[in-house]
């Protein structure tokens, strides 16, 4: 009885709650569903979707096709089934593709508070080894710089030149030659500079 039935007859029996007819229709279109699943699996694998998940989506499409097919649409059940199965599989692919982009939409702001009293921010928990972002180091650096500029302003132009050349790595003799003075004058200037600078 079931083997000789066409799709319309099987669908009629399924709507009358005939489970054998449902099994017969599934058996008839199993290869069609699997063909669609295997056709999309190459792309699905990139999104880490298993064959089982894709087959499950295909079966959901089969159930939808059985429930929603109408003879007055002037389209064969096979074409309608393919459309429903492909649509469900593509929907699963879109959903997973959307999940892969959810890292961007689900990202956290560094200004987000993470304590109950809202005094601790996420940025406060991230260790940073760059001294430019360390407020204590920045404060000490700025103070030392201000102190050095203040002390340099109290030096003679000769002493400032000697400091500059010495910091550049020149020897006493080279500084003496550049400034057209004796090495003893450079040594005396450096002694005065050390007293003026003290601890910077």
N, C-alpha and C. Protein backbone atom coordinates (compact mmCIF):
# COMPACT_ATOMS: atom_id res chain seq x y z
N UNK A 1 0.83 -1.19 0.00
CA UNK A 1 0.00 0.00 0.00
C UNK A 1 0.87 1.25 0.00
N UNK A 2 1.88 1.33 0.92
CA UNK A 2 2.69 2.53 1.05
C UNK A 2 3.69 2.68 -0.09
N UNK A 3 4.21 1.56 -0.58
CA UNK A 3 5.23 1.62 -1.63
C UNK A 3 4.69 2.20 -2.93
N UNK A 4 3.41 2.00 -3.19
CA UNK A 4 2.81 2.49 -4.43
C UNK A 4 2.27 3.91 -4.28
N UNK A 5 2.34 4.48 -3.09
CA UNK A 5 1.74 5.80 -2.84
C UNK A 5 2.66 6.90 -3.34
N UNK A 6 2.05 7.96 -3.90
CA UNK A 6 2.84 9.13 -4.31
C UNK A 6 2.96 10.09 -3.12
N UNK A 7 3.68 11.20 -3.33
CA UNK A 7 3.93 12.14 -2.23
C UNK A 7 2.64 12.70 -1.65
N UNK A 8 1.67 13.02 -2.53
CA UNK A 8 0.42 13.61 -2.06
C UNK A 8 -0.36 12.64 -1.17
N UNK A 9 -0.37 11.39 -1.56
CA UNK A 9 -1.06 10.38 -0.75
C UNK A 9 -0.36 10.18 0.59
N UNK A 10 0.99 10.11 0.56
CA UNK A 10 1.73 9.95 1.82
C UNK A 10 1.50 11.15 2.74
N UNK A 11 1.50 12.36 2.17
CA UNK A 11 1.26 13.56 2.99
C UNK A 11 -0.15 13.53 3.59
N UNK A 12 -1.13 13.07 2.82
CA UNK A 12 -2.49 12.96 3.34
C UNK A 12 -2.53 12.00 4.53
N UNK A 13 -1.84 10.83 4.38
CA UNK A 13 -1.82 9.84 5.46
C UNK A 13 -1.07 10.38 6.69
N UNK A 14 0.00 11.15 6.45
CA UNK A 14 0.77 11.74 7.56
C UNK A 14 -0.12 12.70 8.34
N UNK A 15 -0.93 13.46 7.62
CA UNK A 15 -1.82 14.42 8.29
C UNK A 15 -2.94 13.71 9.05
N UNK A 16 -3.13 12.44 8.74
CA UNK A 16 -4.09 11.61 9.47
C UNK A 16 -3.38 10.86 10.61
N UNK A 17 -2.16 11.30 10.95
CA UNK A 17 -1.35 10.75 12.04
C UNK A 17 -0.81 9.35 11.75
N UNK A 18 -0.53 9.05 10.48
CA UNK A 18 0.02 7.76 10.09
C UNK A 18 1.55 7.85 10.15
N UNK A 19 2.16 7.22 11.15
CA UNK A 19 3.61 7.30 11.34
C UNK A 19 4.38 6.48 10.30
N UNK A 20 3.80 5.42 9.83
CA UNK A 20 4.46 4.60 8.81
C UNK A 20 4.62 5.41 7.53
N UNK A 21 3.61 6.20 7.20
CA UNK A 21 3.68 7.06 6.00
C UNK A 21 4.80 8.09 6.17
N UNK A 22 4.96 8.61 7.37
CA UNK A 22 6.04 9.57 7.64
C UNK A 22 7.40 8.91 7.45
N UNK A 23 7.54 7.67 7.95
CA UNK A 23 8.79 6.93 7.77
C UNK A 23 9.06 6.66 6.30
N UNK A 24 8.03 6.35 5.55
CA UNK A 24 8.19 6.07 4.12
C UNK A 24 8.63 7.34 3.36
N UNK A 25 8.03 8.47 3.70
CA UNK A 25 8.39 9.72 3.04
C UNK A 25 9.83 10.11 3.40
N UNK A 26 10.22 9.92 4.64
CA UNK A 26 11.59 10.23 5.07
C UNK A 26 12.58 9.31 4.36
N UNK A 27 12.23 8.03 4.27
CA UNK A 27 13.11 7.07 3.59
C UNK A 27 13.28 7.47 2.12
N UNK A 28 12.20 7.93 1.50
CA UNK A 28 12.22 8.31 0.09
C UNK A 28 13.14 9.51 -0.15
N UNK A 29 13.14 10.48 0.79
CA UNK A 29 13.89 11.72 0.58
C UNK A 29 15.15 11.83 1.45
N UNK A 30 15.51 10.74 2.09
CA UNK A 30 16.71 10.75 2.94
C UNK A 30 17.96 11.15 2.15
N UNK A 31 18.14 10.58 0.97
CA UNK A 31 19.32 10.89 0.16
C UNK A 31 19.31 12.35 -0.31
N UNK A 32 18.15 12.90 -0.57
CA UNK A 32 18.04 14.31 -0.97
C UNK A 32 18.50 15.20 0.17
N UNK A 33 18.04 14.90 1.38
CA UNK A 33 18.43 15.69 2.56
C UNK A 33 19.93 15.57 2.79
N UNK A 34 20.45 14.35 2.71
CA UNK A 34 21.88 14.14 2.93
C UNK A 34 22.72 14.84 1.86
N UNK A 35 22.23 14.88 0.62
CA UNK A 35 22.94 15.57 -0.46
C UNK A 35 23.08 17.06 -0.15
N UNK A 36 22.02 17.66 0.37
CA UNK A 36 22.06 19.08 0.74
C UNK A 36 23.01 19.30 1.92
N UNK A 37 22.93 18.40 2.91
CA UNK A 37 23.79 18.50 4.09
C UNK A 37 25.26 18.40 3.69
N UNK A 38 25.60 17.40 2.87
CA UNK A 38 27.00 17.24 2.46
C UNK A 38 27.45 18.39 1.56
N UNK A 39 26.54 18.93 0.78
CA UNK A 39 26.89 20.07 -0.07
C UNK A 39 27.27 21.31 0.73
N UNK A 40 26.66 21.48 1.90
CA UNK A 40 26.93 22.65 2.73
C UNK A 40 27.97 22.39 3.81
N UNK A 41 28.34 21.12 3.98
CA UNK A 41 29.24 20.80 5.10
C UNK A 41 30.63 21.41 4.94
N UNK A 42 31.09 21.56 3.72
CA UNK A 42 32.43 22.13 3.52
C UNK A 42 32.51 23.53 4.15
N UNK A 43 31.48 24.34 3.95
CA UNK A 43 31.45 25.68 4.55
C UNK A 43 31.15 25.59 6.05
N UNK A 44 30.25 24.67 6.42
CA UNK A 44 29.87 24.52 7.84
C UNK A 44 31.06 24.13 8.70
N UNK A 45 31.96 23.33 8.13
CA UNK A 45 33.14 22.87 8.87
C UNK A 45 34.02 24.06 9.28
N UNK A 46 34.09 25.08 8.42
CA UNK A 46 34.87 26.29 8.76
C UNK A 46 34.29 27.01 9.97
N UNK A 47 32.98 26.88 10.16
CA UNK A 47 32.31 27.51 11.31
C UNK A 47 32.20 26.56 12.49
N UNK A 48 32.85 25.40 12.37
CA UNK A 48 32.86 24.38 13.42
C UNK A 48 31.48 23.81 13.72
N UNK A 49 30.73 23.62 12.63
CA UNK A 49 29.42 22.98 12.75
C UNK A 49 29.60 21.52 12.34
N UNK A 50 29.13 20.60 13.17
CA UNK A 50 29.28 19.17 12.86
C UNK A 50 28.24 18.74 11.83
N UNK A 51 28.49 17.58 11.22
CA UNK A 51 27.53 17.01 10.26
C UNK A 51 26.20 16.74 10.96
N UNK A 52 26.29 16.31 12.22
CA UNK A 52 25.08 15.98 12.97
C UNK A 52 24.21 17.23 13.17
N UNK A 53 24.86 18.36 13.48
CA UNK A 53 24.09 19.60 13.64
C UNK A 53 23.44 20.02 12.33
N UNK A 54 24.19 19.88 11.25
CA UNK A 54 23.67 20.25 9.94
C UNK A 54 22.55 19.30 9.52
N UNK A 55 22.71 18.00 9.81
CA UNK A 55 21.67 17.02 9.49
C UNK A 55 20.41 17.30 10.32
N UNK A 56 20.61 17.70 11.57
CA UNK A 56 19.46 18.04 12.42
C UNK A 56 18.70 19.23 11.85
N UNK A 57 19.42 20.21 11.34
CA UNK A 57 18.76 21.36 10.70
C UNK A 57 18.02 20.90 9.45
N UNK A 58 18.64 19.97 8.69
CA UNK A 58 17.97 19.42 7.50
C UNK A 58 16.69 18.69 7.86
N UNK A 59 16.71 17.96 8.97
CA UNK A 59 15.51 17.24 9.41
C UNK A 59 14.43 18.21 9.87
N UNK A 60 14.84 19.31 10.47
CA UNK A 60 13.87 20.35 10.84
C UNK A 60 13.20 20.89 9.57
N UNK A 61 14.00 21.07 8.52
CA UNK A 61 13.45 21.51 7.23
C UNK A 61 12.48 20.49 6.66
N UNK A 62 12.79 19.19 6.83
CA UNK A 62 11.90 18.13 6.36
C UNK A 62 10.55 18.21 7.08
N UNK A 63 10.60 18.37 8.41
CA UNK A 63 9.36 18.45 9.19
C UNK A 63 8.55 19.67 8.77
N UNK A 64 9.23 20.79 8.54
CA UNK A 64 8.52 21.99 8.09
C UNK A 64 7.87 21.77 6.73
N UNK A 65 8.60 21.10 5.83
CA UNK A 65 8.06 20.83 4.50
C UNK A 65 6.80 19.98 4.60
N UNK A 66 6.84 18.95 5.46
CA UNK A 66 5.67 18.07 5.63
C UNK A 66 4.49 18.85 6.20
N UNK A 67 4.75 19.71 7.17
CA UNK A 67 3.66 20.45 7.82
C UNK A 67 3.11 21.59 6.96
N UNK A 68 3.97 22.21 6.16
CA UNK A 68 3.56 23.43 5.46
C UNK A 68 3.23 23.25 3.98
N UNK A 69 3.52 22.08 3.41
CA UNK A 69 3.29 21.89 1.97
C UNK A 69 1.80 21.94 1.66
N UNK A 70 1.49 22.67 0.57
CA UNK A 70 0.11 22.73 0.08
C UNK A 70 0.10 22.39 -1.42
N UNK A 71 -0.84 21.58 -1.80
CA UNK A 71 -0.93 21.15 -3.20
C UNK A 71 -1.25 22.31 -4.13
N UNK A 72 -1.94 23.33 -3.63
CA UNK A 72 -2.37 24.44 -4.50
C UNK A 72 -1.21 25.39 -4.86
N UNK A 73 0.00 25.12 -4.35
CA UNK A 73 1.16 25.96 -4.68
C UNK A 73 1.70 25.67 -6.08
N UNK A 74 1.22 24.60 -6.70
CA UNK A 74 1.66 24.18 -8.04
C UNK A 74 3.17 23.96 -8.10
N UNK A 75 3.71 23.38 -7.06
CA UNK A 75 5.13 23.02 -7.02
C UNK A 75 5.21 21.61 -6.42
N UNK A 76 6.17 20.83 -6.89
CA UNK A 76 6.28 19.46 -6.38
C UNK A 76 6.74 19.47 -4.93
N UNK A 77 6.40 18.39 -4.21
CA UNK A 77 6.84 18.28 -2.82
C UNK A 77 8.35 18.23 -2.74
N UNK A 78 8.98 17.56 -3.71
CA UNK A 78 10.44 17.43 -3.71
C UNK A 78 11.10 18.81 -3.79
N UNK A 79 10.61 19.69 -4.66
CA UNK A 79 11.18 21.05 -4.78
C UNK A 79 10.96 21.84 -3.49
N UNK A 80 9.74 21.70 -2.92
CA UNK A 80 9.42 22.40 -1.68
C UNK A 80 10.30 21.89 -0.53
N UNK A 81 10.52 20.58 -0.48
CA UNK A 81 11.37 19.97 0.54
C UNK A 81 12.80 20.51 0.43
N UNK A 82 13.34 20.54 -0.78
CA UNK A 82 14.70 21.06 -0.97
C UNK A 82 14.80 22.50 -0.47
N UNK A 83 13.81 23.29 -0.79
CA UNK A 83 13.80 24.70 -0.36
C UNK A 83 13.81 24.79 1.17
N UNK A 84 12.96 24.01 1.83
CA UNK A 84 12.87 24.06 3.30
C UNK A 84 14.16 23.57 3.96
N UNK A 85 14.73 22.49 3.44
CA UNK A 85 15.96 21.94 4.03
C UNK A 85 17.11 22.92 3.84
N UNK A 86 17.26 23.45 2.63
CA UNK A 86 18.33 24.42 2.37
C UNK A 86 18.17 25.66 3.26
N UNK A 87 16.94 26.12 3.42
CA UNK A 87 16.69 27.32 4.23
C UNK A 87 17.08 27.09 5.69
N UNK A 88 16.75 25.92 6.23
CA UNK A 88 17.11 25.62 7.63
C UNK A 88 18.63 25.50 7.80
N UNK A 89 19.28 24.84 6.83
CA UNK A 89 20.74 24.69 6.91
C UNK A 89 21.43 26.05 6.80
N UNK A 90 20.96 26.88 5.87
CA UNK A 90 21.54 28.23 5.73
C UNK A 90 21.30 29.07 6.99
N UNK A 91 20.14 28.88 7.59
CA UNK A 91 19.84 29.60 8.83
C UNK A 91 20.83 29.22 9.94
N UNK A 92 21.16 27.93 10.02
CA UNK A 92 22.14 27.47 11.01
C UNK A 92 23.51 28.08 10.72
N UNK A 93 23.90 28.12 9.44
CA UNK A 93 25.19 28.71 9.06
C UNK A 93 25.24 30.19 9.43
N UNK A 94 24.14 30.90 9.15
CA UNK A 94 24.09 32.34 9.49
C UNK A 94 24.20 32.55 11.00
N UNK A 95 23.50 31.69 11.73
CA UNK A 95 23.54 31.82 13.19
C UNK A 95 24.96 31.64 13.72
N UNK A 96 25.66 30.62 13.22
CA UNK A 96 27.02 30.38 13.69
C UNK A 96 27.98 31.44 13.20
N UNK A 97 27.76 31.95 12.00
CA UNK A 97 28.61 33.02 11.50
C UNK A 97 28.42 34.26 12.38
N UNK A 98 27.18 34.49 12.79
CA UNK A 98 26.90 35.60 13.69
C UNK A 98 27.58 35.41 15.04
N UNK A 99 27.65 34.17 15.52
CA UNK A 99 28.30 33.90 16.80
C UNK A 99 29.80 34.15 16.72
N UNK A 100 30.38 33.91 15.52
CA UNK A 100 31.82 34.15 15.40
C UNK A 100 32.14 35.64 15.48
N UNK A 101 31.17 36.49 15.14
CA UNK A 101 31.38 37.93 15.25
C UNK A 101 30.94 38.46 16.61
N UNK A 102 30.39 37.58 17.45
CA UNK A 102 29.89 38.05 18.74
C UNK A 102 31.01 38.51 19.66
N UNK A 103 32.26 38.13 19.38
CA UNK A 103 33.38 38.63 20.18
C UNK A 103 33.45 40.15 20.10
N UNK A 104 33.16 40.66 18.91
CA UNK A 104 33.21 42.11 18.73
C UNK A 104 32.06 42.77 19.49
N UNK A 105 30.85 42.24 19.29
CA UNK A 105 29.70 42.87 19.92
C UNK A 105 29.65 42.59 21.42
N UNK A 106 30.28 41.51 21.86
CA UNK A 106 30.26 41.17 23.28
C UNK A 106 31.50 41.59 24.02
N UNK A 107 32.28 42.48 23.42
CA UNK A 107 33.52 42.91 24.06
C UNK A 107 33.21 43.82 25.25
N UNK A 108 34.17 43.94 26.13
CA UNK A 108 33.99 44.72 27.35
C UNK A 108 34.77 46.02 27.28
N UNK A 109 34.20 47.06 27.83
CA UNK A 109 34.87 48.35 27.89
C UNK A 109 35.85 48.35 29.06
N UNK A 110 37.02 48.95 28.85
CA UNK A 110 38.00 49.05 29.92
C UNK A 110 37.53 50.02 31.01
N UNK A 111 36.56 50.86 30.68
CA UNK A 111 36.01 51.81 31.65
C UNK A 111 34.85 51.23 32.44
N UNK A 112 34.57 49.94 32.25
CA UNK A 112 33.47 49.29 32.95
C UNK A 112 33.84 49.06 34.42
N UNK A 113 32.93 49.38 35.32
CA UNK A 113 33.19 49.14 36.74
C UNK A 113 33.02 47.66 37.03
N UNK A 114 33.89 47.14 37.90
CA UNK A 114 33.83 45.71 38.22
C UNK A 114 33.69 45.46 39.71
N UNK A 115 33.49 46.53 40.46
CA UNK A 115 33.28 46.35 41.90
C UNK A 115 31.88 46.85 42.26
N UNK A 116 31.38 46.38 43.39
CA UNK A 116 30.03 46.76 43.80
C UNK A 116 29.91 48.25 44.10
N UNK A 117 30.96 48.84 44.67
CA UNK A 117 30.89 50.26 45.00
C UNK A 117 31.30 51.15 43.82
N UNK A 118 31.56 50.54 42.67
CA UNK A 118 31.88 51.22 41.42
C UNK A 118 33.14 52.08 41.50
N UNK A 119 34.09 51.68 42.35
CA UNK A 119 35.36 52.40 42.45
C UNK A 119 36.48 51.70 41.69
N UNK A 120 36.27 50.45 41.28
CA UNK A 120 37.31 49.70 40.59
C UNK A 120 36.88 49.46 39.15
N UNK A 121 37.75 49.84 38.21
CA UNK A 121 37.45 49.68 36.80
C UNK A 121 38.26 48.53 36.23
N UNK A 122 37.82 47.99 35.10
CA UNK A 122 38.50 46.86 34.47
C UNK A 122 39.94 47.23 34.13
N UNK A 123 40.18 48.43 33.69
CA UNK A 123 41.53 48.88 33.33
C UNK A 123 42.48 48.79 34.53
N UNK A 124 41.94 48.95 35.74
CA UNK A 124 42.77 48.90 36.95
C UNK A 124 43.34 47.52 37.23
N UNK A 125 42.75 46.49 36.63
CA UNK A 125 43.20 45.12 36.90
C UNK A 125 44.22 44.63 35.89
N UNK A 126 44.52 45.44 34.89
CA UNK A 126 45.45 45.03 33.84
C UNK A 126 46.83 45.56 34.16
N UNK A 127 47.80 44.66 34.25
CA UNK A 127 49.17 45.05 34.57
C UNK A 127 49.82 45.69 33.35
N UNK A 128 50.54 46.78 33.58
CA UNK A 128 51.24 47.47 32.50
C UNK A 128 52.67 47.73 32.95
N UNK A 129 53.64 47.28 32.13
CA UNK A 129 55.04 47.44 32.49
C UNK A 129 55.66 48.68 31.85
N UNK A 130 54.91 49.37 31.01
CA UNK A 130 55.42 50.58 30.36
C UNK A 130 55.42 51.72 31.37
N UNK A 131 56.60 52.32 31.69
CA UNK A 131 56.64 53.37 32.71
C UNK A 131 55.86 54.63 32.31
N UNK A 132 55.62 54.82 31.02
CA UNK A 132 54.85 56.00 30.59
C UNK A 132 53.42 55.97 31.14
N UNK A 133 52.90 54.77 31.46
CA UNK A 133 51.55 54.64 31.96
C UNK A 133 51.51 54.43 33.48
N UNK A 134 52.67 54.54 34.12
CA UNK A 134 52.74 54.39 35.57
C UNK A 134 52.70 55.79 36.19
N UNK A 135 51.64 56.15 36.89
CA UNK A 135 51.52 57.51 37.43
C UNK A 135 52.63 57.87 38.42
N UNK A 136 53.07 56.91 39.24
CA UNK A 136 54.13 57.21 40.20
C UNK A 136 55.44 57.52 39.48
N UNK A 137 55.78 56.67 38.50
CA UNK A 137 57.02 56.90 37.75
C UNK A 137 56.93 58.23 37.00
N UNK A 138 55.77 58.51 36.41
CA UNK A 138 55.58 59.76 35.66
C UNK A 138 55.75 60.96 36.58
N UNK A 139 55.20 60.88 37.79
CA UNK A 139 55.32 61.98 38.75
C UNK A 139 56.79 62.20 39.13
N UNK A 140 57.49 61.11 39.47
CA UNK A 140 58.90 61.23 39.85
C UNK A 140 59.74 61.78 38.69
N UNK A 141 59.47 61.34 37.49
CA UNK A 141 60.19 61.80 36.31
C UNK A 141 59.97 63.30 36.10
N UNK A 142 58.71 63.72 36.18
CA UNK A 142 58.40 65.14 35.98
C UNK A 142 59.04 66.02 37.06
N UNK A 143 59.05 65.52 38.30
CA UNK A 143 59.69 66.27 39.39
C UNK A 143 61.19 66.40 39.17
N UNK A 144 61.84 65.29 38.77
CA UNK A 144 63.29 65.31 38.51
C UNK A 144 63.60 66.23 37.34
N UNK A 145 62.77 66.19 36.32
CA UNK A 145 62.98 67.05 35.16
C UNK A 145 62.84 68.52 35.54
N UNK A 146 61.80 68.84 36.31
CA UNK A 146 61.59 70.23 36.76
C UNK A 146 62.76 70.71 37.61
N UNK A 147 63.23 69.81 38.51
CA UNK A 147 64.36 70.15 39.37
C UNK A 147 65.63 70.38 38.55
N UNK A 148 65.86 69.53 37.55
CA UNK A 148 67.05 69.67 36.70
C UNK A 148 67.00 70.97 35.91
N UNK A 149 65.87 71.29 35.35
CA UNK A 149 65.74 72.54 34.58
C UNK A 149 65.99 73.74 35.49
N UNK A 150 65.46 73.67 36.70
CA UNK A 150 65.65 74.76 37.67
C UNK A 150 67.13 74.92 38.02
N UNK A 151 67.81 73.79 38.24
CA UNK A 151 69.24 73.85 38.61
C UNK A 151 70.11 74.26 37.43
N UNK A 152 69.73 73.84 36.22
CA UNK A 152 70.49 74.24 35.03
C UNK A 152 70.37 75.74 34.77
N UNK A 153 69.24 76.30 35.14
CA UNK A 153 69.05 77.74 34.92
C UNK A 153 69.97 78.58 35.81
N UNK A 154 70.48 77.98 36.90
CA UNK A 154 71.38 78.70 37.82
C UNK A 154 72.85 78.52 37.44
N UNK A 155 73.13 77.77 36.36
CA UNK A 155 74.50 77.53 35.93
C UNK A 155 74.90 78.52 34.85
N UNK A 156 76.19 78.66 34.70
CA UNK A 156 76.72 79.53 33.64
C UNK A 156 76.58 78.79 32.30
N UNK A 157 76.69 79.54 31.20
CA UNK A 157 76.57 78.91 29.88
C UNK A 157 77.68 77.90 29.65
N UNK A 158 78.89 78.17 30.21
CA UNK A 158 80.01 77.23 30.09
C UNK A 158 79.67 75.92 30.80
N UNK A 159 79.12 76.02 32.02
CA UNK A 159 78.77 74.82 32.78
C UNK A 159 77.68 74.00 32.07
N UNK A 160 76.71 74.69 31.45
CA UNK A 160 75.64 74.00 30.71
C UNK A 160 76.24 73.24 29.53
N UNK A 161 77.21 73.88 28.82
CA UNK A 161 77.89 73.20 27.70
C UNK A 161 78.62 71.96 28.19
N UNK A 162 79.34 72.09 29.32
CA UNK A 162 80.10 70.96 29.87
C UNK A 162 79.16 69.81 30.23
N UNK A 163 78.03 70.14 30.87
CA UNK A 163 77.04 69.10 31.22
C UNK A 163 76.55 68.41 29.95
N UNK A 164 76.22 69.21 28.94
CA UNK A 164 75.71 68.64 27.68
C UNK A 164 76.73 67.69 27.06
N UNK A 165 77.96 68.15 26.92
CA UNK A 165 78.99 67.30 26.30
C UNK A 165 79.26 66.04 27.12
N UNK A 166 79.27 66.20 28.45
CA UNK A 166 79.55 65.05 29.32
C UNK A 166 78.44 64.00 29.19
N UNK A 167 77.19 64.47 29.11
CA UNK A 167 76.07 63.54 28.94
C UNK A 167 76.11 62.86 27.57
N UNK A 168 76.74 63.52 26.60
CA UNK A 168 76.90 62.93 25.27
C UNK A 168 78.02 61.90 25.24
N UNK A 169 78.82 61.81 26.31
CA UNK A 169 79.86 60.80 26.40
C UNK A 169 81.26 61.27 26.06
N UNK A 170 81.45 62.59 25.95
CA UNK A 170 82.78 63.12 25.64
C UNK A 170 83.68 63.03 26.88
N UNK A 171 84.98 62.84 26.63
CA UNK A 171 85.97 62.81 27.73
C UNK A 171 86.33 64.24 28.13
N UNK A 172 87.07 64.38 29.27
CA UNK A 172 87.50 65.70 29.74
C UNK A 172 88.31 66.42 28.65
N UNK A 173 89.24 65.67 28.06
CA UNK A 173 90.13 66.27 27.04
C UNK A 173 89.33 66.73 25.82
N UNK A 174 88.34 65.94 25.39
CA UNK A 174 87.52 66.32 24.22
C UNK A 174 86.67 67.54 24.53
N UNK A 175 86.12 67.62 25.74
CA UNK A 175 85.32 68.78 26.13
C UNK A 175 86.21 70.02 26.17
N UNK A 176 87.41 69.86 26.71
CA UNK A 176 88.35 70.99 26.78
C UNK A 176 88.67 71.50 25.38
N UNK A 177 88.87 70.59 24.45
CA UNK A 177 89.19 70.98 23.08
C UNK A 177 88.00 71.67 22.42
N UNK A 178 86.77 71.14 22.64
CA UNK A 178 85.56 71.73 22.05
C UNK A 178 85.26 73.13 22.61
N UNK A 179 85.53 73.31 23.90
CA UNK A 179 85.25 74.61 24.55
C UNK A 179 86.46 75.55 24.52
N UNK A 180 87.59 75.06 24.01
CA UNK A 180 88.83 75.86 23.91
C UNK A 180 89.31 76.33 25.29
N UNK A 181 89.32 75.35 26.23
CA UNK A 181 89.81 75.60 27.59
C UNK A 181 90.71 74.43 27.99
N UNK A 182 91.33 74.54 29.18
CA UNK A 182 92.19 73.45 29.65
C UNK A 182 91.35 72.35 30.28
N UNK A 183 91.93 71.14 30.39
CA UNK A 183 91.25 70.02 31.03
C UNK A 183 90.94 70.31 32.48
N UNK A 184 91.86 71.11 33.14
CA UNK A 184 91.65 71.48 34.55
C UNK A 184 90.40 72.35 34.68
N UNK A 185 90.16 73.25 33.72
CA UNK A 185 88.96 74.11 33.75
C UNK A 185 87.69 73.26 33.63
N UNK A 186 87.75 72.22 32.78
CA UNK A 186 86.60 71.31 32.63
C UNK A 186 86.37 70.55 33.92
N UNK A 187 87.48 70.07 34.54
CA UNK A 187 87.36 69.33 35.79
C UNK A 187 86.76 70.21 36.89
N UNK A 188 87.22 71.45 37.01
CA UNK A 188 86.69 72.40 38.00
C UNK A 188 85.20 72.67 37.74
N UNK A 189 84.84 72.83 36.46
CA UNK A 189 83.44 73.09 36.11
C UNK A 189 82.56 71.90 36.52
N UNK A 190 83.05 70.69 36.28
CA UNK A 190 82.28 69.50 36.64
C UNK A 190 82.12 69.37 38.16
N UNK A 191 83.13 69.78 38.92
CA UNK A 191 83.02 69.76 40.39
C UNK A 191 81.95 70.73 40.85
N UNK A 192 81.95 71.94 40.25
CA UNK A 192 80.92 72.94 40.62
C UNK A 192 79.52 72.43 40.22
N UNK A 193 79.45 71.79 39.05
CA UNK A 193 78.15 71.28 38.56
C UNK A 193 77.62 70.23 39.51
N UNK A 194 78.49 69.32 40.00
CA UNK A 194 78.06 68.26 40.92
C UNK A 194 77.51 68.87 42.20
N UNK A 195 78.15 69.95 42.69
CA UNK A 195 77.66 70.59 43.92
C UNK A 195 76.30 71.26 43.67
N UNK A 196 76.15 71.90 42.50
CA UNK A 196 74.90 72.59 42.19
C UNK A 196 73.74 71.60 41.97
N UNK A 197 74.09 70.50 41.30
CA UNK A 197 73.01 69.52 41.01
C UNK A 197 72.61 68.75 42.26
N UNK A 198 73.57 68.42 43.08
CA UNK A 198 73.26 67.64 44.29
C UNK A 198 72.61 66.33 43.86
N UNK A 199 71.42 66.06 44.37
CA UNK A 199 70.70 64.85 43.98
C UNK A 199 69.49 65.26 43.16
N UNK A 200 69.55 64.95 41.88
CA UNK A 200 68.42 65.27 41.00
C UNK A 200 67.51 64.07 40.94
